[in-house]
Amino acid sequence: MHHFLGIENYFKMKKVSFFIIMAVVVMFLAEAKVSEAVTCNPGELSSCLGAITSSSPPSTTCCSKLKEQKPCLCGYLKNPALKQFVSSPGARKVASACGVPYPSC
């Protein structure tokens, strides 16, 4: 009888592992789909310029645009023309205020 309990537990663990793996795959695909849907356009962040260059807080529009452009931030950091703005203390302040983690690329 004990032998059958071992097999039953084995299959339960396999089912749990399968569901965990499937959940991770689904989350990965959902994240990839979101990233694919974003058109990287640094001009979309123009509403953040005032907050980046001054002490004023970012607007709601700025934060929503920043969240939309989040998958693009590493690309902006690798672009020499944009890096100075995206890596500035003001940009870090705005990202923090909007609840967008600053990327570590």
N, C-alpha and C. Protein backbone atom coordinates (compact mmCIF):
# COMPACT_ATOMS: atom_id res chain seq x y z
N MET A 1 0.83 -1.19 0.00
CA MET A 1 0.00 0.00 0.00
C MET A 1 0.88 1.26 0.00
N HIS A 2 1.94 1.24 0.78
CA HIS A 2 2.83 2.38 0.86
C HIS A 2 3.43 2.72 -0.50
N HIS A 3 3.71 1.72 -1.31
CA HIS A 3 4.28 1.92 -2.64
C HIS A 3 3.35 2.75 -3.52
N PHE A 4 2.05 2.50 -3.44
CA PHE A 4 1.10 3.25 -4.27
C PHE A 4 1.00 4.71 -3.84
N LEU A 5 1.14 4.98 -2.54
CA LEU A 5 1.12 6.36 -2.08
C LEU A 5 2.30 7.14 -2.65
N GLY A 6 3.43 6.50 -2.77
CA GLY A 6 4.60 7.14 -3.35
C GLY A 6 4.35 7.53 -4.79
N ILE A 7 3.74 6.65 -5.55
CA ILE A 7 3.44 6.92 -6.95
C ILE A 7 2.41 8.04 -7.06
N GLU A 8 1.41 7.99 -6.20
CA GLU A 8 0.38 9.03 -6.21
C GLU A 8 1.00 10.40 -5.92
N ASN A 9 1.87 10.47 -4.91
CA ASN A 9 2.54 11.73 -4.60
C ASN A 9 3.44 12.18 -5.75
N TYR A 10 4.08 11.22 -6.41
CA TYR A 10 4.92 11.53 -7.56
C TYR A 10 4.11 12.22 -8.64
N PHE A 11 2.93 11.67 -8.95
CA PHE A 11 2.11 12.27 -10.00
C PHE A 11 1.53 13.62 -9.55
N LYS A 12 1.23 13.76 -8.28
CA LYS A 12 0.76 15.06 -7.78
C LYS A 12 1.85 16.10 -7.95
N MET A 13 3.09 15.74 -7.63
CA MET A 13 4.20 16.68 -7.79
C MET A 13 4.41 17.02 -9.26
N LYS A 14 4.27 16.03 -10.13
CA LYS A 14 4.43 16.28 -11.56
C LYS A 14 3.35 17.26 -12.04
N LYS A 15 2.12 17.10 -11.55
CA LYS A 15 1.03 18.00 -11.94
C LYS A 15 1.32 19.41 -11.44
N VAL A 16 1.77 19.53 -10.19
CA VAL A 16 2.08 20.85 -9.63
C VAL A 16 3.21 21.49 -10.44
N SER A 17 4.26 20.74 -10.75
CA SER A 17 5.37 21.26 -11.53
C SER A 17 4.90 21.71 -12.91
N PHE A 18 4.05 20.92 -13.52
CA PHE A 18 3.53 21.26 -14.84
C PHE A 18 2.76 22.58 -14.79
N PHE A 19 1.91 22.73 -13.79
CA PHE A 19 1.12 23.96 -13.68
C PHE A 19 2.00 25.17 -13.39
N ILE A 20 3.03 25.00 -12.58
CA ILE A 20 3.95 26.10 -12.30
C ILE A 20 4.67 26.50 -13.58
N ILE A 21 5.17 25.52 -14.32
CA ILE A 21 5.87 25.80 -15.57
C ILE A 21 4.92 26.50 -16.54
N MET A 22 3.70 26.03 -16.65
CA MET A 22 2.74 26.65 -17.57
C MET A 22 2.43 28.08 -17.14
N ALA A 23 2.32 28.33 -15.85
CA ALA A 23 2.05 29.69 -15.37
C ALA A 23 3.20 30.62 -15.73
N VAL A 24 4.43 30.15 -15.57
CA VAL A 24 5.60 30.96 -15.93
C VAL A 24 5.61 31.24 -17.43
N VAL A 25 5.31 30.23 -18.24
CA VAL A 25 5.28 30.40 -19.69
C VAL A 25 4.21 31.42 -20.08
N VAL A 26 3.04 31.31 -19.49
CA VAL A 26 1.95 32.25 -19.80
C VAL A 26 2.35 33.68 -19.42
N MET A 27 2.97 33.85 -18.24
CA MET A 27 3.40 35.19 -17.83
C MET A 27 4.46 35.72 -18.79
N PHE A 28 5.39 34.87 -19.20
CA PHE A 28 6.44 35.29 -20.13
C PHE A 28 5.83 35.72 -21.46
N LEU A 29 4.90 34.94 -21.97
CA LEU A 29 4.27 35.27 -23.24
C LEU A 29 3.45 36.55 -23.14
N ALA A 30 2.78 36.74 -22.02
CA ALA A 30 1.99 37.96 -21.83
C ALA A 30 2.92 39.17 -21.82
N GLU A 31 4.06 39.05 -21.14
CA GLU A 31 5.03 40.15 -21.09
C GLU A 31 5.60 40.42 -22.48
N ALA A 32 5.89 39.36 -23.22
CA ALA A 32 6.44 39.51 -24.58
C ALA A 32 5.41 40.19 -25.48
N LYS A 33 4.15 39.84 -25.32
CA LYS A 33 3.10 40.43 -26.14
C LYS A 33 2.98 41.92 -25.85
N VAL A 34 3.07 42.30 -24.58
CA VAL A 34 3.00 43.71 -24.21
C VAL A 34 4.18 44.44 -24.84
N SER A 35 5.37 43.84 -24.76
CA SER A 35 6.55 44.48 -25.32
C SER A 35 6.43 44.65 -26.83
N GLU A 36 5.88 43.66 -27.50
CA GLU A 36 5.73 43.74 -28.95
C GLU A 36 4.74 44.83 -29.35
N ALA A 37 3.75 45.07 -28.52
CA ALA A 37 2.70 46.03 -28.87
C ALA A 37 3.19 47.47 -28.75
N VAL A 38 4.28 47.70 -28.04
CA VAL A 38 4.79 49.06 -27.82
C VAL A 38 5.59 49.52 -29.03
N THR A 39 5.29 50.71 -29.50
CA THR A 39 6.11 51.34 -30.53
C THR A 39 7.06 52.27 -29.81
N CYS A 40 8.35 51.98 -29.90
CA CYS A 40 9.33 52.80 -29.20
C CYS A 40 9.48 54.14 -29.91
N ASN A 41 9.04 55.18 -29.20
CA ASN A 41 9.09 56.52 -29.74
C ASN A 41 9.42 57.47 -28.59
N PRO A 42 10.66 57.94 -28.50
CA PRO A 42 11.02 58.81 -27.39
C PRO A 42 10.20 60.10 -27.34
N GLY A 43 9.62 60.50 -28.46
CA GLY A 43 8.75 61.68 -28.49
C GLY A 43 7.53 61.51 -27.61
N GLU A 44 7.15 60.25 -27.36
CA GLU A 44 6.00 59.98 -26.49
C GLU A 44 6.25 60.47 -25.06
N LEU A 45 7.53 60.67 -24.72
CA LEU A 45 7.88 61.08 -23.37
C LEU A 45 8.02 62.60 -23.24
N SER A 46 7.62 63.34 -24.27
CA SER A 46 7.75 64.80 -24.24
C SER A 46 6.97 65.42 -23.08
N SER A 47 5.90 64.77 -22.66
CA SER A 47 5.12 65.30 -21.53
C SER A 47 5.90 65.22 -20.22
N CYS A 48 7.01 64.51 -20.21
CA CYS A 48 7.83 64.37 -19.00
C CYS A 48 8.95 65.40 -18.94
N LEU A 49 9.18 66.11 -20.03
CA LEU A 49 10.33 67.01 -20.12
C LEU A 49 10.36 68.05 -19.00
N GLY A 50 9.21 68.67 -18.73
CA GLY A 50 9.15 69.68 -17.66
C GLY A 50 9.54 69.11 -16.31
N ALA A 51 9.07 67.93 -15.99
CA ALA A 51 9.37 67.30 -14.70
C ALA A 51 10.83 66.85 -14.64
N ILE A 52 11.39 66.45 -15.79
CA ILE A 52 12.79 66.00 -15.83
C ILE A 52 13.73 67.18 -15.61
N THR A 53 13.39 68.32 -16.18
CA THR A 53 14.30 69.48 -16.14
C THR A 53 14.01 70.46 -15.00
N SER A 54 13.00 70.18 -14.19
CA SER A 54 12.69 71.08 -13.07
C SER A 54 12.36 70.26 -11.84
N SER A 55 11.93 70.93 -10.81
CA SER A 55 11.56 70.21 -9.58
C SER A 55 10.07 69.89 -9.53
N SER A 56 9.35 70.19 -10.62
CA SER A 56 7.90 69.91 -10.61
C SER A 56 7.65 68.41 -10.73
N PRO A 57 6.56 67.93 -10.13
CA PRO A 57 6.25 66.50 -10.21
C PRO A 57 5.75 66.13 -11.61
N PRO A 58 5.92 64.86 -11.99
CA PRO A 58 5.44 64.44 -13.31
C PRO A 58 3.91 64.42 -13.36
N SER A 59 3.39 64.71 -14.53
CA SER A 59 1.93 64.69 -14.72
C SER A 59 1.45 63.24 -14.86
N THR A 60 0.15 63.07 -14.78
CA THR A 60 -0.46 61.76 -14.99
C THR A 60 -0.15 61.27 -16.39
N THR A 61 -0.21 62.17 -17.36
CA THR A 61 0.09 61.82 -18.75
C THR A 61 1.53 61.33 -18.87
N CYS A 62 2.46 62.05 -18.24
CA CYS A 62 3.86 61.66 -18.26
C CYS A 62 4.02 60.24 -17.72
N CYS A 63 3.44 59.98 -16.58
CA CYS A 63 3.58 58.66 -15.95
C CYS A 63 2.98 57.56 -16.82
N SER A 64 1.83 57.81 -17.41
CA SER A 64 1.22 56.76 -18.25
C SER A 64 2.07 56.52 -19.49
N LYS A 65 2.63 57.59 -20.08
CA LYS A 65 3.51 57.42 -21.25
C LYS A 65 4.80 56.70 -20.86
N LEU A 66 5.33 57.04 -19.70
CA LEU A 66 6.55 56.39 -19.22
C LEU A 66 6.32 54.90 -19.00
N LYS A 67 5.17 54.56 -18.44
CA LYS A 67 4.83 53.14 -18.23
C LYS A 67 4.67 52.43 -19.58
N GLU A 68 4.08 53.10 -20.56
CA GLU A 68 3.93 52.51 -21.90
C GLU A 68 5.28 52.27 -22.55
N GLN A 69 6.19 53.20 -22.37
CA GLN A 69 7.51 53.14 -23.01
C GLN A 69 8.54 52.35 -22.21
N LYS A 70 8.14 51.81 -21.06
CA LYS A 70 9.07 51.08 -20.19
C LYS A 70 9.90 50.02 -20.93
N PRO A 71 9.30 49.21 -21.83
CA PRO A 71 10.11 48.21 -22.54
C PRO A 71 11.17 48.82 -23.45
N CYS A 72 11.07 50.11 -23.72
CA CYS A 72 11.98 50.79 -24.65
C CYS A 72 13.15 51.47 -23.93
N LEU A 73 13.08 51.60 -22.62
CA LEU A 73 14.04 52.43 -21.89
C LEU A 73 15.48 51.98 -22.08
N CYS A 74 15.74 50.69 -22.11
CA CYS A 74 17.12 50.21 -22.32
C CYS A 74 17.63 50.63 -23.70
N GLY A 75 16.78 50.57 -24.69
CA GLY A 75 17.16 51.01 -26.02
C GLY A 75 17.49 52.49 -26.03
N TYR A 76 16.72 53.29 -25.28
CA TYR A 76 16.99 54.72 -25.20
C TYR A 76 18.34 54.97 -24.50
N LEU A 77 18.62 54.16 -23.47
CA LEU A 77 19.89 54.32 -22.76
C LEU A 77 21.09 53.96 -23.64
N LYS A 78 20.88 53.09 -24.59
CA LYS A 78 21.98 52.68 -25.49
C LYS A 78 22.15 53.64 -26.66
N ASN A 79 21.19 54.56 -26.83
CA ASN A 79 21.26 55.53 -27.91
C ASN A 79 22.03 56.76 -27.41
N PRO A 80 23.20 57.05 -28.02
CA PRO A 80 24.01 58.19 -27.53
C PRO A 80 23.26 59.53 -27.54
N ALA A 81 22.34 59.71 -28.46
CA ALA A 81 21.60 60.97 -28.54
C ALA A 81 20.59 61.10 -27.40
N LEU A 82 20.13 59.99 -26.84
CA LEU A 82 19.10 60.03 -25.80
C LEU A 82 19.64 59.74 -24.41
N LYS A 83 20.79 59.07 -24.34
CA LYS A 83 21.32 58.60 -23.06
C LYS A 83 21.44 59.70 -22.01
N GLN A 84 21.92 60.89 -22.43
CA GLN A 84 22.13 61.97 -21.46
C GLN A 84 20.82 62.40 -20.79
N PHE A 85 19.71 62.28 -21.51
CA PHE A 85 18.42 62.67 -20.93
C PHE A 85 17.83 61.54 -20.08
N VAL A 86 17.91 60.32 -20.60
CA VAL A 86 17.30 59.18 -19.92
C VAL A 86 18.06 58.81 -18.65
N SER A 87 19.37 59.06 -18.66
CA SER A 87 20.17 58.69 -17.48
C SER A 87 20.36 59.86 -16.51
N SER A 88 19.73 60.99 -16.77
CA SER A 88 19.89 62.16 -15.90
C SER A 88 19.21 61.95 -14.55
N PRO A 89 19.68 62.67 -13.53
CA PRO A 89 19.02 62.58 -12.21
C PRO A 89 17.53 62.94 -12.29
N GLY A 90 17.19 63.90 -13.15
CA GLY A 90 15.78 64.28 -13.30
C GLY A 90 14.94 63.14 -13.84
N ALA A 91 15.48 62.40 -14.80
CA ALA A 91 14.75 61.26 -15.37
C ALA A 91 14.58 60.16 -14.33
N ARG A 92 15.61 59.95 -13.54
CA ARG A 92 15.51 58.94 -12.45
C ARG A 92 14.44 59.36 -11.44
N LYS A 93 14.39 60.65 -11.14
CA LYS A 93 13.39 61.19 -10.19
C LYS A 93 11.98 60.96 -10.73
N VAL A 94 11.79 61.25 -12.03
CA VAL A 94 10.48 61.09 -12.65
C VAL A 94 10.08 59.61 -12.66
N ALA A 95 11.01 58.73 -13.03
CA ALA A 95 10.71 57.29 -13.04
C ALA A 95 10.28 56.83 -11.66
N SER A 96 11.01 57.25 -10.65
CA SER A 96 10.68 56.89 -9.27
C SER A 96 9.30 57.40 -8.87
N ALA A 97 9.03 58.66 -9.19
CA ALA A 97 7.73 59.27 -8.84
C ALA A 97 6.57 58.57 -9.55
N CYS A 98 6.84 58.04 -10.75
CA CYS A 98 5.79 57.36 -11.52
C CYS A 98 5.69 55.88 -11.15
N GLY A 99 6.59 55.41 -10.29
CA GLY A 99 6.55 53.99 -9.92
C GLY A 99 7.10 53.08 -10.99
N VAL A 100 7.96 53.62 -11.85
CA VAL A 100 8.57 52.82 -12.93
C VAL A 100 10.01 52.54 -12.49
N PRO A 101 10.36 51.28 -12.30
CA PRO A 101 11.74 50.97 -11.89
C PRO A 101 12.74 51.42 -12.95
N TYR A 102 13.81 52.06 -12.52
CA TYR A 102 14.83 52.49 -13.47
C TYR A 102 15.51 51.25 -14.01
N PRO A 103 15.65 51.14 -15.33
CA PRO A 103 16.19 49.90 -15.90
C PRO A 103 17.67 49.69 -15.58
N SER A 104 18.03 48.45 -15.40
CA SER A 104 19.44 48.09 -15.27
C SER A 104 19.77 47.25 -16.49
N CYS A 105 20.32 47.90 -17.49
CA CYS A 105 20.58 47.24 -18.77
C CYS A 105 22.02 46.77 -18.85
